[in-house]
């Protein structure tokens, strides 16, 4: 390494400049961050993402074991000794602190001269530093690797003159602040795109998206409710079933529609099925080869169900009704974000009682238009659920959902425009993802230039780094050794 270093630089190890490494304890805590005068322990996530985050901490139940020297102070250099391979050895300097926090057994404090801290941060965050940390980390589990104190001391690093370190730190602050500004702008784009998609859907199902299109097609007439009922009665008769109008709950859209649109209910426009578990004697469904979907398979996308993507359990509990491609599925149960999510079948499949299958009459409605409407109405649909233990929708609630019904030709135009605008948003998202990757590479490129001595010009009058290193080691040798007290029996 010495022959590759710029003039005035020297090679050393982390152990050459670190006076000592301090650690804390692992004790039982309340998982919330401490408040006021409460004492807390830092989590490894507090030092993971570039800046010290004191909110990533937990509150101590008992503080009797605490030692003053384990308390975190402003200016401390902290490093995680355990994490995933990509994050073990993450390090920060504590620049803001308002809580009473103490070291944990997984967050170490490196005690070293203040003037060396900024440069050590550069070294450990550079690609060369990360490569050494990852090679020195041990552990069999992919989810958790460890790096020992001795391994940390063995990390090799170049050491510039102190004056050059100061110039490098100032330049890094300037450049990385610009990078952070770019990052913040890029990070805000996904939220903008989400609002863009929501506004597109809101305009689509209210008629605003196709307002100009309707002006060019004034001859379109509203769909007749009587014609729709007759069409479904014919379908039922051909299937050997008896058609019966759904008993619907009151409710309305709450916004005006164009003259050529009809405010209807899902149960008036579509054929709604709710699944059921078949008898175990029916071997076609119990252990057979008929695919099915449940609420867990329904997401904000089309269902791309294949034989390989459906679990074995998926052959064991399904309605005996097989639904055609284009059937819209609606999740009726599920905590979190599951209930109310729509999807479109891309294969023939059954379903169980956790989902509603909504069949579309092709002469009157488009599956894609129904899907986009349910997608836009997701939050409202979730609130329709009822029940004590686990809120759920039922068939009557699904049938009673209000539905804005445009002429079929306009539905087709709405779907075309929504998909065109969504494709535009998808392209922007891909560009944002690439931009974020380039910004990450830019950060590493800046750190690499600093690591190689190419970020700022060298000054021959600077005190050589070898003298700085000798002074650090002399100060460490002259410092009084800490005495270890005996534990009382």
Protein backbone atom coordinates (compact mmCIF):
# COMPACT_ATOMS: atom_id res chain seq x y z
CA UNK A 1 0.00 0.00 0.00
CA UNK A 2 2.86 2.42 0.84
CA UNK A 3 4.14 2.65 -2.76
CA UNK A 4 0.64 3.57 -4.04
CA UNK A 5 0.02 6.38 -1.57
CA UNK A 6 0.28 10.11 -2.37
CA UNK A 7 3.21 12.08 -0.99
CA UNK A 8 2.95 12.72 2.74
CA UNK A 9 0.48 9.85 3.31
CA UNK A 10 1.23 6.71 5.31
CA UNK A 11 -0.35 3.28 5.71
CA UNK A 12 -1.75 2.12 9.03
CA UNK A 13 -4.47 -0.03 10.57
CA UNK A 14 -7.53 1.08 12.47
CA UNK A 15 -5.85 -0.31 15.59
CA UNK A 16 -2.97 2.17 15.11
CA UNK A 17 -5.22 5.20 15.60
CA UNK A 18 -7.93 3.82 17.92
CA UNK A 19 -7.15 4.12 21.62
CA UNK A 20 -9.81 1.62 22.70
CA UNK A 21 -13.14 0.08 21.73
CA UNK A 22 -16.03 0.28 24.19
CA UNK A 23 -19.22 -1.74 24.32
CA UNK A 24 -22.41 -1.95 26.35
CA UNK A 25 -24.74 -4.71 27.50
CA UNK A 26 -27.72 -6.64 26.24
CA UNK A 27 -30.63 -6.26 28.65
CA UNK A 28 -34.40 -6.54 28.49
CA UNK A 29 -36.05 -3.32 27.32
CA UNK A 30 -39.38 -1.83 26.34
CA UNK A 31 -39.29 -1.56 22.55
CA UNK A 32 -40.38 2.11 22.45
CA UNK A 33 -37.85 4.99 22.38
CA UNK A 34 -37.19 6.61 25.80
CA UNK A 35 -38.94 9.87 26.64
CA UNK A 36 -37.86 12.74 28.86
CA UNK A 37 -35.38 11.62 31.52
CA UNK A 38 -35.83 7.90 30.76
CA UNK A 39 -32.73 5.89 29.90
CA UNK A 40 -32.47 3.87 26.75
CA UNK A 41 -30.29 1.47 24.74
CA UNK A 42 -29.44 2.10 21.07
CA UNK A 43 -30.46 -0.37 18.38
CA UNK A 44 -28.15 -1.28 15.52
CA UNK A 45 -30.59 0.55 13.23
CA UNK A 46 -29.55 3.79 14.95
CA UNK A 47 -26.19 3.65 13.15
CA UNK A 48 -27.25 1.97 9.92
CA UNK A 49 -28.41 4.65 7.49
CA UNK A 50 -25.68 7.28 7.39
CA UNK A 51 -26.74 9.48 10.30
CA UNK A 52 -27.23 8.73 13.98
CA UNK A 53 -30.97 8.21 14.63
CA UNK A 54 -31.69 8.43 18.35
CA UNK A 55 -35.32 7.38 17.75
CA UNK A 56 -33.99 3.91 16.91
CA UNK A 57 -33.65 3.03 20.58
CA UNK A 58 -35.53 1.20 23.33
CA UNK A 59 -36.34 2.11 26.92
CA UNK A 60 -34.59 0.39 29.82
CA UNK A 61 -36.79 -1.21 32.48
CA UNK A 62 -33.95 -1.15 35.03
CA UNK A 63 -31.07 1.36 34.94
CA UNK A 64 -29.23 0.11 38.04
CA UNK A 65 -26.55 -1.65 35.98
CA UNK A 66 -25.66 1.45 33.92
CA UNK A 67 -22.15 2.87 34.01
CA UNK A 68 -21.46 6.54 33.20
CA UNK A 69 -18.75 5.56 30.73
CA UNK A 70 -21.31 3.60 28.65
CA UNK A 71 -23.46 6.69 28.00
CA UNK A 72 -23.38 8.02 24.42
CA UNK A 73 -22.00 11.54 24.05
CA UNK A 74 -21.97 14.14 21.29
CA UNK A 75 -19.05 13.50 18.92
CA UNK A 76 -18.93 9.74 19.61
CA UNK A 77 -17.85 7.46 16.75
CA UNK A 78 -20.25 4.48 16.76
CA UNK A 79 -20.14 1.29 14.71
CA UNK A 80 -22.38 -1.78 14.53
CA UNK A 81 -20.65 -5.06 15.22
CA UNK A 82 -23.60 -7.20 14.07
CA UNK A 83 -26.02 -6.93 11.15
CA UNK A 84 -26.58 -8.36 7.69
CA UNK A 85 -23.47 -8.69 5.51
CA UNK A 86 -24.28 -5.45 3.68
CA UNK A 87 -24.80 -3.45 6.89
CA UNK A 88 -22.42 -4.92 9.47
CA UNK A 89 -19.78 -2.32 10.31
CA UNK A 90 -22.06 0.63 9.50
CA UNK A 91 -20.72 3.68 11.31
CA UNK A 92 -21.75 7.23 12.22
CA UNK A 93 -20.62 10.20 14.24
CA UNK A 94 -23.14 11.44 16.82
CA UNK A 95 -23.90 15.02 15.78
CA UNK A 96 -27.30 15.45 17.48
CA UNK A 97 -28.39 13.99 20.80
CA UNK A 98 -31.33 14.78 23.09
CA UNK A 99 -31.98 11.42 24.81
CA UNK A 100 -30.18 9.54 27.58
CA UNK A 101 -28.84 6.67 25.51
CA UNK A 102 -26.30 3.98 26.34
CA UNK A 103 -24.24 1.57 24.28
CA UNK A 104 -25.67 -1.88 23.62
CA UNK A 105 -23.69 -5.07 23.07
CA UNK A 106 -24.10 -4.68 19.30
CA UNK A 107 -23.15 -0.99 18.98
CA UNK A 108 -19.50 -0.20 19.73
CA UNK A 109 -17.80 3.12 20.41
CA UNK A 110 -14.37 3.71 18.87
CA UNK A 111 -12.34 6.03 21.08
CA UNK A 112 -9.80 7.97 18.97
CA UNK A 113 -8.56 11.55 18.53
CA UNK A 114 -11.26 13.92 17.28
CA UNK A 115 -9.15 14.97 14.32
CA UNK A 116 -9.05 11.37 13.02
CA UNK A 117 -12.80 10.66 13.20
CA UNK A 118 -13.88 12.27 9.92
CA UNK A 119 -11.18 10.47 7.96
CA UNK A 120 -12.00 7.12 9.58
CA UNK A 121 -15.63 7.62 8.54
CA UNK A 122 -14.48 8.08 4.93
CA UNK A 123 -12.31 4.96 5.06
CA UNK A 124 -14.94 2.64 6.56
CA UNK A 125 -17.68 3.85 4.19
CA UNK A 126 -15.55 3.58 1.05
CA UNK A 127 -15.71 0.52 -1.17
CA UNK A 128 -12.27 -0.59 -0.03
CA UNK A 129 -13.33 -0.29 3.61
CA UNK A 130 -16.62 -2.11 3.07
CA UNK A 131 -14.82 -4.92 1.25
CA UNK A 132 -12.51 -5.45 4.24
CA UNK A 133 -15.37 -5.33 6.74
CA UNK A 134 -17.40 -7.90 4.82
CA UNK A 135 -14.40 -10.22 4.43
CA UNK A 136 -13.61 -10.00 8.17
CA UNK A 137 -17.22 -10.53 9.32
CA UNK A 138 -18.05 -14.02 10.55
CA UNK A 139 -21.21 -16.05 11.07
CA UNK A 140 -23.15 -18.79 9.34
CA UNK A 141 -26.52 -17.03 9.14
CA UNK A 142 -27.08 -14.81 6.10
CA UNK A 143 -29.34 -12.61 8.19
CA UNK A 144 -26.72 -11.81 10.85
CA UNK A 145 -22.95 -11.39 10.59
CA UNK A 146 -20.52 -10.27 13.30
CA UNK A 147 -17.22 -8.46 13.26
CA UNK A 148 -15.00 -8.75 16.31
CA UNK A 149 -13.08 -5.94 17.96
CA UNK A 150 -9.81 -7.58 16.94
CA UNK A 151 -10.98 -7.81 13.31
CA UNK A 152 -11.89 -4.12 13.38
CA UNK A 153 -8.39 -3.25 14.58
CA UNK A 154 -6.91 -5.16 11.59
CA UNK A 155 -8.66 -3.03 8.95
CA UNK A 156 -5.98 -1.38 6.78
CA UNK A 157 -6.31 2.25 5.76
CA UNK A 158 -4.26 5.08 4.26
CA UNK A 159 -3.66 8.11 6.47
CA UNK A 160 -3.28 11.59 4.91
CA UNK A 161 -1.63 14.56 6.64
CA UNK A 162 -3.94 16.17 9.19
CA UNK A 163 -4.25 19.42 7.19
CA UNK A 164 -5.27 17.45 4.11
CA UNK A 165 -7.82 15.50 6.15
CA UNK A 166 -9.38 18.84 7.08
CA UNK A 167 -9.54 19.90 3.41
CA UNK A 168 -10.98 16.51 2.41
CA UNK A 169 -13.66 16.72 5.13
CA UNK A 170 -14.70 20.21 4.00
CA UNK A 171 -14.91 19.12 0.35
CA UNK A 172 -16.87 16.00 1.27
CA UNK A 173 -19.36 18.06 3.29
CA UNK A 174 -19.90 20.28 0.25
CA UNK A 175 -20.26 17.48 -2.31
CA UNK A 176 -22.27 15.05 -0.17
CA UNK A 177 -24.67 17.85 0.81
CA UNK A 178 -25.40 18.29 -2.91
CA UNK A 179 -25.85 14.53 -3.28
CA UNK A 180 -28.25 14.50 -0.30
CA UNK A 181 -30.28 17.29 -1.92
CA UNK A 182 -30.53 15.23 -5.12
CA UNK A 183 -31.50 12.16 -3.09
CA UNK A 184 -34.24 14.04 -1.26
CA UNK A 185 -35.72 15.23 -4.56
CA UNK A 186 -35.56 11.77 -6.10
CA UNK A 187 -37.04 10.17 -2.97
CA UNK A 188 -40.05 12.48 -3.20
CA UNK A 189 -40.99 11.39 -6.74
CA UNK A 190 -42.66 8.02 -5.84
CA UNK A 191 -45.16 9.84 -3.60
CA UNK A 192 -45.92 12.26 -6.45
CA UNK A 193 -46.46 9.35 -8.85
CA UNK A 194 -48.79 7.68 -6.35
CA UNK A 195 -50.89 10.85 -6.15
CA UNK A 196 -50.77 11.09 -9.95
CA UNK A 197 -52.20 7.56 -10.34
CA UNK A 198 -54.89 8.30 -7.75
CA UNK A 199 -55.91 11.49 -9.56
CA UNK A 200 -56.01 9.63 -12.91
CA UNK A 201 -58.36 7.00 -11.46
CA UNK A 202 -60.55 9.61 -9.75
CA UNK A 203 -60.88 11.44 -13.09
CA UNK A 204 -61.54 8.14 -14.89
CA UNK A 205 -64.50 6.98 -12.76
CA UNK A 206 -66.10 10.45 -12.57
CA UNK A 207 -66.07 11.10 -16.32
CA UNK A 208 -63.53 13.93 -16.23
CA UNK A 209 -60.84 11.90 -18.01
CA UNK A 210 -63.00 11.46 -21.12
CA UNK A 211 -64.85 14.80 -21.07
CA UNK A 212 -63.37 15.93 -24.41
CA UNK A 213 -63.88 12.47 -25.91
CA UNK A 214 -67.61 12.60 -25.07
CA UNK A 215 -67.89 15.96 -26.83
CA UNK A 216 -66.61 14.25 -29.99
CA UNK A 217 -69.02 11.32 -29.52
CA UNK A 218 -72.36 12.95 -28.51
CA UNK A 219 -74.55 10.15 -29.86
CA UNK A 220 -73.76 7.68 -27.07
CA UNK A 221 -76.80 6.69 -25.01
CA UNK A 222 -76.92 5.52 -21.39
CA UNK A 223 -77.07 1.78 -20.77
CA UNK A 224 -80.61 0.69 -19.99
CA UNK A 225 -81.06 -1.01 -16.61
CA UNK A 226 -83.92 -3.08 -18.06
CA UNK A 227 -81.73 -4.26 -20.97
CA UNK A 228 -79.02 -5.23 -18.50
CA UNK A 229 -81.43 -7.25 -16.34
CA UNK A 230 -82.79 -9.02 -19.41
CA UNK A 231 -79.25 -9.86 -20.57
CA UNK A 232 -78.37 -11.43 -17.22
CA UNK A 233 -81.69 -13.31 -17.12
CA UNK A 234 -80.76 -14.83 -20.50
CA UNK A 235 -77.34 -15.86 -19.13
CA UNK A 236 -78.93 -17.49 -16.10
CA UNK A 237 -81.49 -19.29 -18.25
CA UNK A 238 -78.77 -20.69 -20.55
CA UNK A 239 -76.90 -21.95 -17.45
CA UNK A 240 -80.03 -23.61 -16.07
CA UNK A 241 -80.32 -21.13 -13.22
CA UNK A 242 -83.14 -18.87 -12.08
CA UNK A 243 -82.42 -15.13 -12.21
CA UNK A 244 -83.31 -13.10 -9.12
CA UNK A 245 -82.64 -9.42 -8.57
CA UNK A 246 -80.22 -8.74 -5.72
CA UNK A 247 -81.52 -7.28 -2.46
CA UNK A 248 -79.31 -4.20 -2.12
CA UNK A 249 -78.37 -1.87 0.71
CA UNK A 250 -78.86 1.91 0.31
CA UNK A 251 -75.87 4.04 -0.71
CA UNK A 252 -74.70 6.35 -3.47
CA UNK A 253 -71.53 7.56 -5.16
CA UNK A 254 -71.64 11.07 -3.74
CA UNK A 255 -70.53 12.87 -6.90
CA UNK A 256 -72.32 13.84 -10.15
CA UNK A 257 -71.96 11.82 -13.35
CA UNK A 258 -72.19 12.79 -17.04
CA UNK A 259 -75.64 12.57 -18.65
CA UNK A 260 -74.72 9.43 -20.63
CA UNK A 261 -73.63 7.58 -17.46
CA UNK A 262 -75.85 5.61 -15.07
CA UNK A 263 -75.39 5.46 -11.30
CA UNK A 264 -75.95 1.80 -10.49
CA UNK A 265 -74.92 -0.84 -7.95
CA UNK A 266 -72.39 -3.64 -8.49
CA UNK A 267 -75.15 -6.22 -7.98
CA UNK A 268 -77.25 -4.59 -10.74
CA UNK A 269 -74.45 -4.64 -13.32
CA UNK A 270 -72.51 -7.80 -12.47
CA UNK A 271 -73.01 -11.40 -11.39
CA UNK A 272 -71.46 -11.71 -7.91
CA UNK A 273 -70.35 -15.08 -6.52
CA UNK A 274 -69.09 -15.89 -3.04
CA UNK A 275 -67.19 -19.15 -2.73
CA UNK A 276 -67.76 -22.04 -0.37
CA UNK A 277 -65.78 -25.06 0.75
CA UNK A 278 -66.90 -28.22 -1.12
CA UNK A 279 -67.47 -31.59 0.46
CA UNK A 280 -64.37 -33.67 1.16
CA UNK A 281 -65.99 -36.41 -0.86
CA UNK A 282 -65.47 -34.30 -3.98
CA UNK A 283 -61.98 -35.53 -4.93
CA UNK A 284 -61.81 -33.18 -7.93
CA UNK A 285 -61.40 -30.32 -5.49
CA UNK A 286 -59.79 -32.14 -2.56
CA UNK A 287 -56.39 -33.13 -3.90
CA UNK A 288 -57.42 -32.43 -7.50
CA UNK A 289 -55.88 -30.11 -10.05
CA UNK A 290 -58.29 -27.17 -10.14
CA UNK A 291 -56.58 -23.88 -9.21
CA UNK A 292 -58.24 -21.43 -6.85
CA UNK A 293 -57.62 -18.07 -5.29
CA UNK A 294 -58.17 -16.66 -1.82
CA UNK A 295 -57.85 -13.16 -0.38
CA UNK A 296 -54.11 -13.64 0.11
CA UNK A 297 -53.63 -14.15 -3.64
CA UNK A 298 -55.51 -10.97 -4.53
CA UNK A 299 -53.32 -7.86 -4.88
CA UNK A 300 -53.36 -4.55 -6.70
CA UNK A 301 -52.57 -6.26 -10.00
CA UNK A 302 -53.95 -8.88 -12.32
CA UNK A 303 -53.73 -12.40 -10.95
CA UNK A 304 -51.06 -14.20 -12.98
CA UNK A 305 -52.04 -17.58 -11.59
CA UNK A 306 -50.25 -20.64 -12.94
CA UNK A 307 -50.02 -24.23 -11.75
CA UNK A 308 -46.60 -23.45 -10.30
CA UNK A 309 -47.70 -20.28 -8.46
CA UNK A 310 -50.61 -21.90 -6.62
CA UNK A 311 -49.73 -23.75 -3.43
CA UNK A 312 -50.76 -27.34 -2.76
CA UNK A 313 -53.15 -26.01 -0.13
CA UNK A 314 -54.81 -24.21 -2.98
CA UNK A 315 -56.29 -27.45 -4.23
CA UNK A 316 -57.99 -28.27 -0.95
CA UNK A 317 -60.66 -25.67 -0.21
CA UNK A 318 -62.44 -24.07 -3.14
CA UNK A 319 -65.88 -23.29 -4.48
CA UNK A 320 -66.99 -25.80 -7.09
CA UNK A 321 -67.71 -22.94 -9.54
CA UNK A 322 -64.94 -22.37 -12.09
CA UNK A 323 -64.75 -18.73 -13.18
CA UNK A 324 -63.60 -17.66 -16.65
CA UNK A 325 -60.66 -15.46 -17.59
CA UNK A 326 -61.57 -11.80 -17.00
CA UNK A 327 -63.52 -12.41 -13.78
CA UNK A 328 -62.74 -9.67 -11.27
CA UNK A 329 -61.82 -10.95 -7.81
CA UNK A 330 -62.34 -8.87 -4.65
CA UNK A 331 -60.72 -9.78 -1.30
CA UNK A 332 -63.41 -9.81 1.40
CA UNK A 333 -61.34 -10.54 4.51
CA UNK A 334 -57.86 -9.78 5.69
CA UNK A 335 -56.07 -7.55 8.14
CA UNK A 336 -53.65 -4.87 6.97
CA UNK A 337 -54.18 -3.94 3.32
CA UNK A 338 -55.75 -7.15 2.00
CA UNK A 339 -59.50 -6.54 2.38
CA UNK A 340 -60.93 -4.57 -0.54
CA UNK A 341 -58.13 -5.31 -3.01
CA UNK A 342 -59.19 -6.23 -6.57
CA UNK A 343 -57.58 -8.39 -9.24
CA UNK A 344 -58.46 -9.89 -12.64
CA UNK A 345 -58.21 -13.62 -13.36
CA UNK A 346 -55.84 -14.46 -16.16
CA UNK A 347 -56.68 -18.17 -15.97
CA UNK A 348 -59.82 -20.16 -15.21
CA UNK A 349 -59.97 -20.72 -11.46
CA UNK A 350 -62.17 -21.34 -8.44
CA UNK A 351 -62.21 -19.32 -5.24
CA UNK A 352 -63.09 -19.82 -1.60
CA UNK A 353 -65.35 -17.89 0.73
CA UNK A 354 -62.73 -15.22 1.40
CA UNK A 355 -63.20 -13.62 -2.03
CA UNK A 356 -66.02 -12.38 -4.22
CA UNK A 357 -65.90 -13.33 -7.90
CA UNK A 358 -67.54 -10.61 -10.01
CA UNK A 359 -68.45 -11.77 -13.52
CA UNK A 360 -68.79 -9.18 -16.26
CA UNK A 361 -71.34 -9.24 -19.10
CA UNK A 362 -69.15 -8.41 -22.14
CA UNK A 363 -71.95 -6.52 -23.92
CA UNK A 364 -72.28 -3.99 -21.10
CA UNK A 365 -69.08 -3.69 -19.10
CA UNK A 366 -65.31 -4.10 -19.32
CA UNK A 367 -63.41 -6.17 -16.71
CA UNK A 368 -60.60 -3.62 -16.79
CA UNK A 369 -62.96 -0.71 -16.13
CA UNK A 370 -64.49 -2.53 -13.15
CA UNK A 371 -61.00 -3.33 -11.86
CA UNK A 372 -59.86 0.28 -12.08
CA UNK A 373 -63.05 1.45 -10.33
CA UNK A 374 -62.52 -1.00 -7.44
CA UNK A 375 -58.85 -0.01 -7.34
CA UNK A 376 -59.82 3.68 -7.02
CA UNK A 377 -62.49 2.89 -4.42
CA UNK A 378 -60.23 0.64 -2.32
CA UNK A 379 -60.22 2.76 0.88
CA UNK A 380 -64.02 3.22 0.82
CA UNK A 381 -64.60 -0.50 0.21
CA UNK A 382 -62.40 -1.42 3.20
CA UNK A 383 -64.61 0.64 5.51
CA UNK A 384 -67.71 -1.33 4.46
CA UNK A 385 -66.41 -4.41 6.30
CA UNK A 386 -68.03 -5.49 9.57
CA UNK A 387 -67.41 -8.02 12.32
CA UNK A 388 -65.88 -8.17 15.79
CA UNK A 389 -62.82 -10.42 15.52
CA UNK A 390 -61.88 -9.78 11.90
CA UNK A 391 -63.70 -7.27 9.74
CA UNK A 392 -65.00 -8.74 6.50
CA UNK A 393 -67.16 -7.93 3.51
CA UNK A 394 -70.12 -10.11 2.57
CA UNK A 395 -71.97 -10.76 -0.66
CA UNK A 396 -74.71 -8.22 0.02
CA UNK A 397 -72.15 -5.53 0.86
CA UNK A 398 -70.27 -6.19 -2.40
CA UNK A 399 -73.47 -6.18 -4.45
CA UNK A 400 -74.52 -2.88 -2.83
CA UNK A 401 -71.33 -1.01 -3.74
CA UNK A 402 -72.28 2.03 -5.90
CA UNK A 403 -70.99 1.85 -9.46
CA UNK A 404 -70.66 4.55 -12.18
CA UNK A 405 -71.66 2.89 -15.47
CA UNK A 406 -70.62 4.64 -18.71
CA UNK A 407 -71.49 3.41 -22.22
CA UNK A 408 -69.29 0.45 -23.21
CA UNK A 409 -67.39 2.44 -25.86
CA UNK A 410 -66.46 5.05 -23.26
CA UNK A 411 -65.35 2.34 -20.81
CA UNK A 412 -62.94 1.10 -23.49
CA UNK A 413 -61.61 4.64 -23.99
CA UNK A 414 -61.24 5.14 -20.22
CA UNK A 415 -59.22 1.93 -19.89
CA UNK A 416 -57.01 2.93 -22.84
CA UNK A 417 -56.26 6.33 -21.33
CA UNK A 418 -55.66 4.99 -17.81
CA UNK A 419 -53.25 2.35 -19.08
CA UNK A 420 -51.45 4.93 -21.23
CA UNK A 421 -51.00 7.29 -18.27
CA UNK A 422 -50.03 4.45 -15.93
CA UNK A 423 -47.43 3.29 -18.46
CA UNK A 424 -46.01 6.81 -18.41
CA UNK A 425 -45.84 6.67 -14.60
CA UNK A 426 -44.17 3.24 -14.78
CA UNK A 427 -41.50 4.64 -17.12
CA UNK A 428 -40.85 7.50 -14.69
CA UNK A 429 -40.56 5.03 -11.81
CA UNK A 430 -37.97 3.04 -13.74
CA UNK A 431 -36.00 6.23 -14.41
CA UNK A 432 -36.20 7.16 -10.72
CA UNK A 433 -34.87 3.74 -9.78
CA UNK A 434 -31.94 4.15 -12.19
CA UNK A 435 -31.30 7.67 -10.91
CA UNK A 436 -31.16 6.42 -7.32
CA UNK A 437 -28.64 3.76 -8.35
CA UNK A 438 -26.51 6.38 -10.11
CA UNK A 439 -26.62 8.64 -7.04
CA UNK A 440 -25.48 5.74 -4.86
CA UNK A 441 -22.60 5.11 -7.28
CA UNK A 442 -21.79 8.83 -7.25
CA UNK A 443 -21.43 8.78 -3.46
CA UNK A 444 -19.04 5.84 -3.66
CA UNK A 445 -17.11 7.53 -6.47
CA UNK A 446 -16.63 10.66 -4.33
CA UNK A 447 -15.49 8.58 -1.35
CA UNK A 448 -13.12 6.57 -3.57
CA UNK A 449 -11.48 9.77 -4.86
CA UNK A 450 -11.03 10.96 -1.28
CA UNK A 451 -9.59 7.57 -0.33
CA UNK A 452 -7.04 7.78 -3.19
CA UNK A 453 -6.04 11.38 -2.44
CA UNK A 454 -7.63 12.76 -5.63
CA UNK A 455 -10.42 14.86 -4.12
CA UNK A 456 -8.35 17.89 -3.03
CA UNK A 457 -4.84 19.06 -4.02
CA UNK A 458 -1.85 18.03 -1.89
CA UNK A 459 0.26 20.68 -0.13
CA UNK A 460 3.99 19.84 0.27
CA UNK A 461 4.12 22.02 3.40
CA UNK A 462 1.64 19.77 5.26
CA UNK A 463 3.04 17.83 8.21
CA UNK A 464 3.54 14.22 6.97
CA UNK A 465 1.00 11.70 8.20
CA UNK A 466 3.75 9.52 9.71
CA UNK A 467 4.40 12.27 12.28
CA UNK A 468 0.66 12.48 13.05
CA UNK A 469 0.57 8.71 13.55
CA UNK A 470 3.63 8.83 15.83
CA UNK A 471 2.02 11.57 17.90
CA UNK A 472 -1.23 9.60 18.27
CA UNK A 473 0.65 6.53 19.42
CA UNK A 474 2.76 8.57 21.86
CA UNK A 475 -0.36 10.15 23.36
CA UNK A 476 -1.93 6.71 23.72
CA UNK A 477 1.17 5.33 25.44
CA UNK A 478 1.29 8.29 27.84
CA UNK A 479 -2.39 8.07 28.78
CA UNK A 480 -3.06 6.47 32.22
CA UNK A 481 -4.38 2.95 32.03
CA UNK A 482 -7.92 2.41 33.28
CA UNK A 483 -8.00 0.31 36.43
CA UNK A 484 -10.30 -2.65 36.60
CA UNK A 485 -12.11 -3.02 39.89
CA UNK A 486 -12.99 -6.37 41.39
CA UNK A 487 -16.59 -7.42 41.46
CA UNK A 488 -17.94 -7.86 44.96
CA UNK A 489 -18.82 -11.40 45.91
